[in-house]
Amino acid sequence: MKDVCFCDETFEILVEAEVSADPIWCNKCKANLDLDELPISEELKAELYEWNSTFSNHLASHNYNGITQSFSEWLNASGENLTKKLSAELTNTYVIQYHPYESIIKEK
């Protein structure tokens, strides 16, 4: 991918859920990448958008104080799965990593 971040070219992608940004990043310069710039299926884009939106909604429902243990388990399992799908669709041209989350909020 060229001209999508601050690097001349990037072949290192980080998958990380984020509020108000697409969940993919250049793993070298840390620039947020546009999902529409990736040569992946519309189905996978939709899954990534939905996963990221669910993360944002969970944070909002907890006043942006963090995520619960059960949600972090779901988020990380889903994030790992989406990272594998992304890697498969990009035919191993890129090094793709997932950034896992830890819970902060104790569940009642």
PDB file of N, CA and C in Angstrom:
ATOM      1  N   MET A   1       0.853  -1.169   0.000  1.00  0.00           N
ATOM      2  CA  MET A   1       0.000   0.000   0.000  1.00  0.00           C
ATOM      3  C   MET A   1       0.899   1.232   0.000  1.00  0.00           C
ATOM      4  N   LYS A   2       0.643   2.114  -0.892  1.00  0.00           N
ATOM      5  CA  LYS A   2       1.446   3.316  -1.009  1.00  0.00           C
ATOM      6  C   LYS A   2       0.572   4.533  -0.737  1.00  0.00           C
ATOM      7  N   ASP A   3       1.177   5.581  -0.220  1.00  0.00           N
ATOM      8  CA  ASP A   3       0.493   6.854   0.009  1.00  0.00           C
ATOM      9  C   ASP A   3      -0.703   6.740   0.956  1.00  0.00           C
ATOM     10  N   VAL A   4      -0.620   5.884   1.950  1.00  0.00           N
ATOM     11  CA  VAL A   4      -1.720   5.767   2.912  1.00  0.00           C
ATOM     12  C   VAL A   4      -1.308   6.172   4.325  1.00  0.00           C
ATOM     13  N   CYS A   5      -0.009   6.404   4.511  1.00  0.00           N
ATOM     14  CA  CYS A   5       0.470   6.826   5.819  1.00  0.00           C
ATOM     15  C   CYS A   5       1.719   7.665   5.637  1.00  0.00           C
ATOM     16  N   PHE A   6       2.489   7.821   6.683  1.00  0.00           N
ATOM     17  CA  PHE A   6       3.690   8.647   6.638  1.00  0.00           C
ATOM     18  C   PHE A   6       4.912   7.895   6.130  1.00  0.00           C
ATOM     19  N   CYS A   7       4.787   6.614   5.929  1.00  0.00           N
ATOM     20  CA  CYS A   7       5.886   5.799   5.411  1.00  0.00           C
ATOM     21  C   CYS A   7       5.842   5.824   3.879  1.00  0.00           C
ATOM     22  N   ASP A   8       6.958   5.545   3.249  1.00  0.00           N
ATOM     23  CA  ASP A   8       6.952   5.455   1.788  1.00  0.00           C
ATOM     24  C   ASP A   8       6.013   4.348   1.336  1.00  0.00           C
ATOM     25  N   GLU A   9       6.116   3.232   1.997  1.00  0.00           N
ATOM     26  CA  GLU A   9       5.209   2.111   1.778  1.00  0.00           C
ATOM     27  C   GLU A   9       5.052   1.414   3.116  1.00  0.00           C
ATOM     28  N   THR A  10       3.896   0.815   3.313  1.00  0.00           N
ATOM     29  CA  THR A  10       3.726   0.072   4.556  1.00  0.00           C
ATOM     30  C   THR A  10       3.308  -1.360   4.242  1.00  0.00           C
ATOM     31  N   PHE A  11       3.937  -2.269   4.931  1.00  0.00           N
ATOM     32  CA  PHE A  11       3.577  -3.677   4.841  1.00  0.00           C
ATOM     33  C   PHE A  11       3.327  -4.242   6.241  1.00  0.00           C
ATOM     34  N   GLU A  12       3.232  -3.336   7.211  1.00  0.00           N
ATOM     35  CA  GLU A  12       2.987  -3.735   8.592  1.00  0.00           C
ATOM     36  C   GLU A  12       1.707  -3.061   9.067  1.00  0.00           C
ATOM     37  N   ILE A  13       0.715  -3.874   9.398  1.00  0.00           N
ATOM     38  CA  ILE A  13      -0.593  -3.362   9.805  1.00  0.00           C
ATOM     39  C   ILE A  13      -0.905  -3.834  11.221  1.00  0.00           C
ATOM     40  N   LEU A  14      -1.465  -2.916  11.996  1.00  0.00           N
ATOM     41  CA  LEU A  14      -1.907  -3.221  13.350  1.00  0.00           C
ATOM     42  C   LEU A  14      -3.430  -3.106  13.381  1.00  0.00           C
ATOM     43  N   VAL A  15      -4.089  -4.125  13.902  1.00  0.00           N
ATOM     44  CA  VAL A  15      -5.535  -4.098  14.086  1.00  0.00           C
ATOM     45  C   VAL A  15      -5.779  -3.731  15.542  1.00  0.00           C
ATOM     46  N   GLU A  16      -6.503  -2.630  15.735  1.00  0.00           N
ATOM     47  CA  GLU A  16      -6.780  -2.156  17.087  1.00  0.00           C
ATOM     48  C   GLU A  16      -8.074  -1.354  17.066  1.00  0.00           C
ATOM     49  N   ALA A  17      -9.024  -1.754  17.887  1.00  0.00           N
ATOM     50  CA  ALA A  17     -10.296  -1.037  17.969  1.00  0.00           C
ATOM     51  C   ALA A  17     -10.050   0.363  18.499  1.00  0.00           C
ATOM     52  N   GLU A  18     -10.820   1.309  17.980  1.00  0.00           N
ATOM     53  CA  GLU A  18     -10.628   2.711  18.356  1.00  0.00           C
ATOM     54  C   GLU A  18     -11.944   3.462  18.195  1.00  0.00           C
ATOM     55  N   VAL A  19     -12.141   4.443  19.027  1.00  0.00           N
ATOM     56  CA  VAL A  19     -13.305   5.322  18.928  1.00  0.00           C
ATOM     57  C   VAL A  19     -13.012   6.372  17.860  1.00  0.00           C
ATOM     58  N   SER A  20     -13.938   6.580  16.956  1.00  0.00           N
ATOM     59  CA  SER A  20     -13.845   7.634  15.932  1.00  0.00           C
ATOM     60  C   SER A  20     -12.702   7.459  14.934  1.00  0.00           C
ATOM     61  N   ALA A  21     -12.282   6.243  14.697  1.00  0.00           N
ATOM     62  CA  ALA A  21     -11.242   5.974  13.697  1.00  0.00           C
ATOM     63  C   ALA A  21     -11.410   4.546  13.200  1.00  0.00           C
ATOM     64  N   ASP A  22     -10.941   4.297  11.984  1.00  0.00           N
ATOM     65  CA  ASP A  22     -10.957   2.921  11.484  1.00  0.00           C
ATOM     66  C   ASP A  22     -10.009   2.078  12.335  1.00  0.00           C
ATOM     67  N   PRO A  23     -10.297   0.776  12.481  1.00  0.00           N
ATOM     68  CA  PRO A  23      -9.515  -0.055  13.402  1.00  0.00           C
ATOM     69  C   PRO A  23      -8.223  -0.629  12.829  1.00  0.00           C
ATOM     70  N   ILE A  24      -7.629   0.043  11.850  1.00  0.00           N
ATOM     71  CA  ILE A  24      -6.366  -0.439  11.290  1.00  0.00           C
ATOM     72  C   ILE A  24      -5.359   0.708  11.264  1.00  0.00           C
ATOM     73  N   TRP A  25      -4.112   0.348  11.499  1.00  0.00           N
ATOM     74  CA  TRP A  25      -3.044   1.333  11.662  1.00  0.00           C
ATOM     75  C   TRP A  25      -1.785   0.846  10.969  1.00  0.00           C
ATOM     76  N   CYS A  26      -0.943   1.787  10.547  1.00  0.00           N
ATOM     77  CA  CYS A  26       0.403   1.425  10.104  1.00  0.00           C
ATOM     78  C   CYS A  26       1.166   1.067  11.377  1.00  0.00           C
ATOM     79  N   ASN A  27       1.763  -0.096  11.416  1.00  0.00           N
ATOM     80  CA  ASN A  27       2.462  -0.522  12.630  1.00  0.00           C
ATOM     81  C   ASN A  27       3.864   0.084  12.734  1.00  0.00           C
ATOM     82  N   LYS A  28       4.269   0.856  11.724  1.00  0.00           N
ATOM     83  CA  LYS A  28       5.568   1.545  11.787  1.00  0.00           C
ATOM     84  C   LYS A  28       5.387   2.983  12.268  1.00  0.00           C
ATOM     85  N   CYS A  29       4.585   3.768  11.543  1.00  0.00           N
ATOM     86  CA  CYS A  29       4.452   5.198  11.894  1.00  0.00           C
ATOM     87  C   CYS A  29       3.217   5.471  12.749  1.00  0.00           C
ATOM     88  N   LYS A  30       2.382   4.445  12.944  1.00  0.00           N
ATOM     89  CA  LYS A  30       1.175   4.505  13.780  1.00  0.00           C
ATOM     90  C   LYS A  30       0.056   5.372  13.195  1.00  0.00           C
ATOM     91  N   ALA A  31       0.128   5.686  11.893  1.00  0.00           N
ATOM     92  CA  ALA A  31      -0.949   6.443  11.251  1.00  0.00           C
ATOM     93  C   ALA A  31      -2.188   5.565  11.125  1.00  0.00           C
ATOM     94  N   ASN A  32      -3.353   6.174  11.306  1.00  0.00           N
ATOM     95  CA  ASN A  32      -4.604   5.458  11.104  1.00  0.00           C
ATOM     96  C   ASN A  32      -4.811   5.275   9.606  1.00  0.00           C
ATOM     97  N   LEU A  33      -5.181   4.066   9.208  1.00  0.00           N
ATOM     98  CA  LEU A  33      -5.393   3.758   7.798  1.00  0.00           C
ATOM     99  C   LEU A  33      -6.876   3.696   7.486  1.00  0.00           C
ATOM    100  N   ASP A  34      -7.220   4.020   6.277  1.00  0.00           N
ATOM    101  CA  ASP A  34      -8.599   4.004   5.804  1.00  0.00           C
ATOM    102  C   ASP A  34      -8.931   2.602   5.308  1.00  0.00           C
ATOM    103  N   LEU A  35      -9.943   1.982   5.901  1.00  0.00           N
ATOM    104  CA  LEU A  35     -10.336   0.632   5.478  1.00  0.00           C
ATOM    105  C   LEU A  35     -10.647   0.573   3.989  1.00  0.00           C
ATOM    106  N   ASP A  36     -11.172   1.654   3.442  1.00  0.00           N
ATOM    107  CA  ASP A  36     -11.515   1.658   2.023  1.00  0.00           C
ATOM    108  C   ASP A  36     -10.290   1.622   1.117  1.00  0.00           C
ATOM    109  N   GLU A  37      -9.113   1.870   1.659  1.00  0.00           N
ATOM    110  CA  GLU A  37      -7.876   1.814   0.883  1.00  0.00           C
ATOM    111  C   GLU A  37      -7.305   0.398   0.809  1.00  0.00           C
ATOM    112  N   LEU A  38      -7.814  -0.489   1.639  1.00  0.00           N
ATOM    113  CA  LEU A  38      -7.312  -1.862   1.631  1.00  0.00           C
ATOM    114  C   LEU A  38      -8.026  -2.696   0.571  1.00  0.00           C
ATOM    115  N   PRO A  39      -7.283  -3.523  -0.129  1.00  0.00           N
ATOM    116  CA  PRO A  39      -7.903  -4.402  -1.130  1.00  0.00           C
ATOM    117  C   PRO A  39      -8.510  -5.648  -0.475  1.00  0.00           C
ATOM    118  N   ILE A  40      -9.602  -5.420   0.285  1.00  0.00           N
ATOM    119  CA  ILE A  40     -10.281  -6.519   0.964  1.00  0.00           C
ATOM    120  C   ILE A  40     -11.759  -6.491   0.606  1.00  0.00           C
ATOM    121  N   SER A  41     -12.448  -7.572   0.925  1.00  0.00           N
ATOM    122  CA  SER A  41     -13.866  -7.700   0.592  1.00  0.00           C
ATOM    123  C   SER A  41     -14.729  -6.719   1.377  1.00  0.00           C
ATOM    124  N   GLU A  42     -15.836  -6.369   0.790  1.00  0.00           N
ATOM    125  CA  GLU A  42     -16.796  -5.505   1.469  1.00  0.00           C
ATOM    126  C   GLU A  42     -17.327  -6.185   2.727  1.00  0.00           C
ATOM    127  N   GLU A  43     -17.445  -7.491   2.681  1.00  0.00           N
ATOM    128  CA  GLU A  43     -17.915  -8.253   3.848  1.00  0.00           C
ATOM    129  C   GLU A  43     -16.954  -8.096   5.029  1.00  0.00           C
ATOM    130  N   LEU A  44     -15.655  -8.210   4.771  1.00  0.00           N
ATOM    131  CA  LEU A  44     -14.679  -8.066   5.852  1.00  0.00           C
ATOM    132  C   LEU A  44     -14.639  -6.618   6.345  1.00  0.00           C
ATOM    133  N   LYS A  45     -14.740  -5.663   5.450  1.00  0.00           N
ATOM    134  CA  LYS A  45     -14.803  -4.258   5.874  1.00  0.00           C
ATOM    135  C   LYS A  45     -15.982  -4.051   6.817  1.00  0.00           C
ATOM    136  N   ALA A  46     -17.135  -4.604   6.455  1.00  0.00           N
ATOM    137  CA  ALA A  46     -18.337  -4.465   7.280  1.00  0.00           C
ATOM    138  C   ALA A  46     -18.123  -5.110   8.650  1.00  0.00           C
ATOM    139  N   GLU A  47     -17.480  -6.267   8.684  1.00  0.00           N
ATOM    140  CA  GLU A  47     -17.200  -6.938   9.960  1.00  0.00           C
ATOM    141  C   GLU A  47     -16.276  -6.090  10.831  1.00  0.00           C
ATOM    142  N   LEU A  48     -15.249  -5.506  10.225  1.00  0.00           N
ATOM    143  CA  LEU A  48     -14.325  -4.664  10.975  1.00  0.00           C
ATOM    144  C   LEU A  48     -15.018  -3.406  11.494  1.00  0.00           C
ATOM    145  N   TYR A  49     -15.850  -2.801  10.653  1.00  0.00           N
ATOM    146  CA  TYR A  49     -16.611  -1.621  11.093  1.00  0.00           C
ATOM    147  C   TYR A  49     -17.546  -1.970  12.255  1.00  0.00           C
ATOM    148  N   GLU A  50     -18.229  -3.097  12.150  1.00  0.00           N
ATOM    149  CA  GLU A  50     -19.170  -3.509  13.195  1.00  0.00           C
ATOM    150  C   GLU A  50     -18.438  -3.806  14.504  1.00  0.00           C
ATOM    151  N   TRP A  51     -17.326  -4.511  14.422  1.00  0.00           N
ATOM    152  CA  TRP A  51     -16.504  -4.826  15.599  1.00  0.00           C
ATOM    153  C   TRP A  51     -16.042  -3.545  16.279  1.00  0.00           C
ATOM    154  N   ASN A  52     -15.560  -2.603  15.483  1.00  0.00           N
ATOM    155  CA  ASN A  52     -15.078  -1.335  16.014  1.00  0.00           C
ATOM    156  C   ASN A  52     -16.219  -0.518  16.628  1.00  0.00           C
ATOM    157  N   SER A  53     -17.366  -0.527  15.986  1.00  0.00           N
ATOM    158  CA  SER A  53     -18.537   0.191  16.486  1.00  0.00           C
ATOM    159  C   SER A  53     -19.010  -0.403  17.814  1.00  0.00           C
ATOM    160  N   THR A  54     -18.980  -1.706  17.926  1.00  0.00           N
ATOM    161  CA  THR A  54     -19.373  -2.380  19.164  1.00  0.00           C
ATOM    162  C   THR A  54     -18.428  -1.973  20.303  1.00  0.00           C
ATOM    163  N   PHE A  55     -17.145  -1.890  20.004  1.00  0.00           N
ATOM    164  CA  PHE A  55     -16.160  -1.426  20.990  1.00  0.00           C
ATOM    165  C   PHE A  55     -16.495  -0.005  21.442  1.00  0.00           C
ATOM    166  N   SER A  56     -16.731   0.869  20.494  1.00  0.00           N
ATOM    167  CA  SER A  56     -17.046   2.266  20.800  1.00  0.00           C
ATOM    168  C   SER A  56     -18.314   2.374  21.645  1.00  0.00           C
ATOM    169  N   ASN A  57     -19.341   1.613  21.283  1.00  0.00           N
ATOM    170  CA  ASN A  57     -20.593   1.634  22.037  1.00  0.00           C
ATOM    171  C   ASN A  57     -20.407   1.120  23.462  1.00  0.00           C
ATOM    172  N   HIS A  58     -19.589   0.087  23.630  1.00  0.00           N
ATOM    173  CA  HIS A  58     -19.326  -0.455  24.963  1.00  0.00           C
ATOM    174  C   HIS A  58     -18.614   0.593  25.829  1.00  0.00           C
ATOM    175  N   LEU A  59     -17.617   1.233  25.252  1.00  0.00           N
ATOM    176  CA  LEU A  59     -16.914   2.289  25.997  1.00  0.00           C
ATOM    177  C   LEU A  59     -17.872   3.406  26.394  1.00  0.00           C
ATOM    178  N   ALA A  60     -18.705   3.835  25.458  1.00  0.00           N
ATOM    179  CA  ALA A  60     -19.660   4.922  25.739  1.00  0.00           C
ATOM    180  C   ALA A  60     -20.619   4.525  26.852  1.00  0.00           C
ATOM    181  N   SER A  61     -21.058   3.268  26.846  1.00  0.00           N
ATOM    182  CA  SER A  61     -21.999   2.817  27.872  1.00  0.00           C
ATOM    183  C   SER A  61     -21.364   2.765  29.259  1.00  0.00           C
ATOM    184  N   HIS A  62     -20.036   2.801  29.313  1.00  0.00           N
ATOM    185  CA  HIS A  62     -19.312   2.809  30.589  1.00  0.00           C
ATOM    186  C   HIS A  62     -18.583   4.141  30.783  1.00  0.00           C
ATOM    187  N   ASN A  63     -19.134   5.186  30.174  1.00  0.00           N
ATOM    188  CA  ASN A  63     -18.603   6.553  30.329  1.00  0.00           C
ATOM    189  C   ASN A  63     -17.113   6.655  30.007  1.00  0.00           C
ATOM    190  N   TYR A  64     -16.657   5.856  29.047  1.00  0.00           N
ATOM    191  CA  TYR A  64     -15.262   5.879  28.577  1.00  0.00           C
ATOM    192  C   TYR A  64     -14.248   5.596  29.692  1.00  0.00           C
ATOM    193  N   ASN A  65     -14.678   4.787  30.670  1.00  0.00           N
ATOM    194  CA  ASN A  65     -13.804   4.419  31.782  1.00  0.00           C
ATOM    195  C   ASN A  65     -13.106   3.083  31.576  1.00  0.00           C
ATOM    196  N   GLY A  66     -13.316   2.443  30.431  1.00  0.00           N
ATOM    197  CA  GLY A  66     -12.680   1.161  30.170  1.00  0.00           C
ATOM    198  C   GLY A  66     -13.689   0.117  29.758  1.00  0.00           C
ATOM    199  N   ILE A  67     -13.214  -1.118  29.677  1.00  0.00           N
ATOM    200  CA  ILE A  67     -14.071  -2.218  29.247  1.00  0.00           C
ATOM    201  C   ILE A  67     -14.103  -3.306  30.313  1.00  0.00           C
ATOM    202  N   THR A  68     -15.183  -4.082  30.301  1.00  0.00           N
ATOM    203  CA  THR A  68     -15.354  -5.159  31.280  1.00  0.00           C
ATOM    204  C   THR A  68     -14.568  -6.407  30.860  1.00  0.00           C
ATOM    205  N   GLN A  69     -14.383  -7.306  31.794  1.00  0.00           N
ATOM    206  CA  GLN A  69     -13.657  -8.555  31.530  1.00  0.00           C
ATOM    207  C   GLN A  69     -14.345  -9.369  30.438  1.00  0.00           C
ATOM    208  N   SER A  70     -15.638  -9.556  30.555  1.00  0.00           N
ATOM    209  CA  SER A  70     -16.338 -10.377  29.553  1.00  0.00           C
ATOM    210  C   SER A  70     -16.272  -9.724  28.179  1.00  0.00           C
ATOM    211  N   PHE A  71     -16.359  -8.392  28.129  1.00  0.00           N
ATOM    212  CA  PHE A  71     -16.271  -7.714  26.841  1.00  0.00           C
ATOM    213  C   PHE A  71     -14.858  -7.803  26.276  1.00  0.00           C
ATOM    214  N   SER A  72     -13.839  -7.672  27.116  1.00  0.00           N
ATOM    215  CA  SER A  72     -12.464  -7.768  26.609  1.00  0.00           C
ATOM    216  C   SER A  72     -12.197  -9.158  26.041  1.00  0.00           C
ATOM    217  N   GLU A  73     -12.772 -10.190  26.646  1.00  0.00           N
ATOM    218  CA  GLU A  73     -12.610 -11.548  26.116  1.00  0.00           C
ATOM    219  C   GLU A  73     -13.256 -11.656  24.735  1.00  0.00           C
ATOM    220  N   TRP A  74     -14.473 -11.131  24.592  1.00  0.00           N
ATOM    221  CA  TRP A  74     -15.143 -11.144  23.295  1.00  0.00           C
ATOM    222  C   TRP A  74     -14.367 -10.307  22.280  1.00  0.00           C
ATOM    223  N   LEU A  75     -13.969  -9.090  22.679  1.00  0.00           N
ATOM    224  CA  LEU A  75     -13.257  -8.179  21.794  1.00  0.00           C
ATOM    225  C   LEU A  75     -11.976  -8.810  21.274  1.00  0.00           C
ATOM    226  N   ASN A  76     -11.209  -9.431  22.158  1.00  0.00           N
ATOM    227  CA  ASN A  76      -9.935 -10.018  21.765  1.00  0.00           C
ATOM    228  C   ASN A  76     -10.116 -11.259  20.900  1.00  0.00           C
ATOM    229  N   ALA A  77     -11.075 -12.094  21.217  1.00  0.00           N
ATOM    230  CA  ALA A  77     -11.329 -13.269  20.381  1.00  0.00           C
ATOM    231  C   ALA A  77     -11.780 -12.833  18.985  1.00  0.00           C
ATOM    232  N   SER A  78     -12.675 -11.873  18.924  1.00  0.00           N
ATOM    233  CA  SER A  78     -13.154 -11.363  17.644  1.00  0.00           C
ATOM    234  C   SER A  78     -12.039 -10.650  16.888  1.00  0.00           C
ATOM    235  N   GLY A  79     -11.235  -9.873  17.609  1.00  0.00           N
ATOM    236  CA  GLY A  79     -10.123  -9.163  16.982  1.00  0.00           C
ATOM    237  C   GLY A  79      -9.097 -10.106  16.386  1.00  0.00           C
ATOM    238  N   GLU A  80      -8.790 -11.175  17.105  1.00  0.00           N
ATOM    239  CA  GLU A  80      -7.858 -12.189  16.578  1.00  0.00           C
ATOM    240  C   GLU A  80      -8.434 -12.845  15.323  1.00  0.00           C
ATOM    241  N   ASN A  81      -9.724 -13.159  15.359  1.00  0.00           N
ATOM    242  CA  ASN A  81     -10.379 -13.775  14.205  1.00  0.00           C
ATOM    243  C   ASN A  81     -10.364 -12.831  12.996  1.00  0.00           C
ATOM    244  N   LEU A  82     -10.687 -11.568  13.223  1.00  0.00           N
ATOM    245  CA  LEU A  82     -10.678 -10.589  12.135  1.00  0.00           C
ATOM    246  C   LEU A  82      -9.265 -10.371  11.591  1.00  0.00           C
ATOM    247  N   THR A  83      -8.280 -10.416  12.461  1.00  0.00           N
ATOM    248  CA  THR A  83      -6.885 -10.283  12.035  1.00  0.00           C
ATOM    249  C   THR A  83      -6.495 -11.438  11.123  1.00  0.00           C
ATOM    250  N   LYS A  84      -6.925 -12.650  11.455  1.00  0.00           N
ATOM    251  CA  LYS A  84      -6.655 -13.822  10.601  1.00  0.00           C
ATOM    252  C   LYS A  84      -7.342 -13.673   9.250  1.00  0.00           C
ATOM    253  N   LYS A  85      -8.585 -13.207   9.258  1.00  0.00           N
ATOM    254  CA  LYS A  85      -9.306 -12.999   7.997  1.00  0.00           C
ATOM    255  C   LYS A  85      -8.620 -11.940   7.145  1.00  0.00           C
ATOM    256  N   LEU A  86      -8.187 -10.860   7.788  1.00  0.00           N
ATOM    257  CA  LEU A  86      -7.504  -9.783   7.078  1.00  0.00           C
ATOM    258  C   LEU A  86      -6.213 -10.298   6.453  1.00  0.00           C
ATOM    259  N   SER A  87      -5.464 -11.069   7.213  1.00  0.00           N
ATOM    260  CA  SER A  87      -4.217 -11.651   6.718  1.00  0.00           C
ATOM    261  C   SER A  87      -4.479 -12.568   5.527  1.00  0.00           C
ATOM    262  N   ALA A  88      -5.528 -13.358   5.606  1.00  0.00           N
ATOM    263  CA  ALA A  88      -5.858 -14.275   4.514  1.00  0.00           C
ATOM    264  C   ALA A  88      -6.247 -13.506   3.253  1.00  0.00           C
ATOM    265  N   GLU A  89      -7.033 -12.444   3.423  1.00  0.00           N
ATOM    266  CA  GLU A  89      -7.471 -11.682   2.256  1.00  0.00           C
ATOM    267  C   GLU A  89      -6.339 -10.863   1.645  1.00  0.00           C
ATOM    268  N   LEU A  90      -5.382 -10.482   2.449  1.00  0.00           N
ATOM    269  CA  LEU A  90      -4.241  -9.724   1.919  1.00  0.00           C
ATOM    270  C   LEU A  90      -3.111 -10.660   1.490  1.00  0.00           C
ATOM    271  N   THR A  91      -3.432 -11.943   1.421  1.00  0.00           N
ATOM    272  CA  THR A  91      -2.543 -13.006   0.936  1.00  0.00           C
ATOM    273  C   THR A  91      -1.115 -12.938   1.471  1.00  0.00           C
ATOM    274  N   ASN A  92      -1.025 -12.692   2.751  1.00  0.00           N
ATOM    275  CA  ASN A  92       0.252 -12.717   3.465  1.00  0.00           C
ATOM    276  C   ASN A  92       1.292 -11.750   2.907  1.00  0.00           C
ATOM    277  N   THR A  93       0.865 -10.725   2.175  1.00  0.00           N
ATOM    278  CA  THR A  93       1.778  -9.684   1.698  1.00  0.00           C
ATOM    279  C   THR A  93       2.175  -8.781   2.845  1.00  0.00           C
ATOM    280  N   TYR A  94       1.315  -8.687   3.838  1.00  0.00           N
ATOM    281  CA  TYR A  94       1.513  -7.794   4.969  1.00  0.00           C
ATOM    282  C   TYR A  94       1.746  -8.575   6.245  1.00  0.00           C
ATOM    283  N   VAL A  95       2.481  -7.968   7.150  1.00  0.00           N
ATOM    284  CA  VAL A  95       2.609  -8.495   8.507  1.00  0.00           C
ATOM    285  C   VAL A  95       1.493  -7.813   9.286  1.00  0.00           C
ATOM    286  N   ILE A  96       0.577  -8.612   9.807  1.00  0.00           N
ATOM    287  CA  ILE A  96      -0.593  -8.056  10.488  1.00  0.00           C
ATOM    288  C   ILE A  96      -0.614  -8.559  11.920  1.00  0.00           C
ATOM    289  N   GLN A  97      -0.748  -7.615  12.845  1.00  0.00           N
ATOM    290  CA  GLN A  97      -0.794  -7.951  14.263  1.00  0.00           C
ATOM    291  C   GLN A  97      -2.071  -7.391  14.870  1.00  0.00           C
ATOM    292  N   TYR A  98      -2.487  -8.010  15.951  1.00  0.00           N
ATOM    293  CA  TYR A  98      -3.641  -7.534  16.698  1.00  0.00           C
ATOM    294  C   TYR A  98      -3.173  -7.015  18.054  1.00  0.00           C
ATOM    295  N   HIS A  99      -3.715  -5.874  18.466  1.00  0.00           N
ATOM    296  CA  HIS A  99      -3.420  -5.323  19.784  1.00  0.00           C
ATOM    297  C   HIS A  99      -4.534  -5.716  20.743  1.00  0.00           C
ATOM    298  N   PRO A 100      -4.275  -6.633  21.678  1.00  0.00           N
ATOM    299  CA  PRO A 100      -5.319  -7.052  22.622  1.00  0.00           C
ATOM    300  C   PRO A 100      -5.581  -6.005  23.699  1.00  0.00           C
ATOM    301  N   TYR A 101      -6.766  -6.081  24.265  1.00  0.00           N
ATOM    302  CA  TYR A 101      -7.191  -5.175  25.330  1.00  0.00           C
ATOM    303  C   TYR A 101      -7.345  -5.934  26.627  1.00  0.00           C
ATOM    304  N   GLU A 102      -7.122  -5.223  27.731  1.00  0.00           N
ATOM    305  CA  GLU A 102      -7.367  -5.770  29.060  1.00  0.00           C
ATOM    306  C   GLU A 102      -8.542  -5.039  29.667  1.00  0.00           C
ATOM    307  N   SER A 103      -9.303  -5.749  30.467  1.00  0.00           N
ATOM    308  CA  SER A 103     -10.446  -5.123  31.120  1.00  0.00           C
ATOM    309  C   SER A 103      -9.960  -4.150  32.186  1.00  0.00           C
ATOM    310  N   ILE A 104     -10.770  -3.160  32.433  1.00  0.00           N
ATOM    311  CA  ILE A 104     -10.471  -2.183  33.479  1.00  0.00           C
ATOM    312  C   ILE A 104     -11.616  -2.163  34.485  1.00  0.00           C
ATOM    313  N   ILE A 105     -12.810  -2.339  33.991  1.00  0.00           N
ATOM    314  CA  ILE A 105     -14.001  -2.247  34.839  1.00  0.00           C
ATOM    315  C   ILE A 105     -14.304  -3.611  35.451  1.00  0.00           C
ATOM    316  N   LYS A 106     -14.478  -3.639  36.738  1.00  0.00           N
ATOM    317  CA  LYS A 106     -14.900  -4.868  37.430  1.00  0.00           C
ATOM    318  C   LYS A 106     -16.395  -5.074  37.201  1.00  0.00           C
ATOM    319  N   GLU A 107     -16.766  -6.300  36.858  1.00  0.00           N
ATOM    320  CA  GLU A 107     -18.186  -6.596  36.652  1.00  0.00           C
ATOM    321  C   GLU A 107     -18.821  -6.913  37.986  1.00  0.00           C
ATOM    322  N   LYS A 108     -20.088  -6.561  38.077  1.00  0.00           N
ATOM    323  CA  LYS A 108     -20.840  -6.751  39.323  1.00  0.00           C
ATOM    324  C   LYS A 108     -21.432  -8.126  39.391  1.00  0.00           C
TER     325      LYS A 108
END
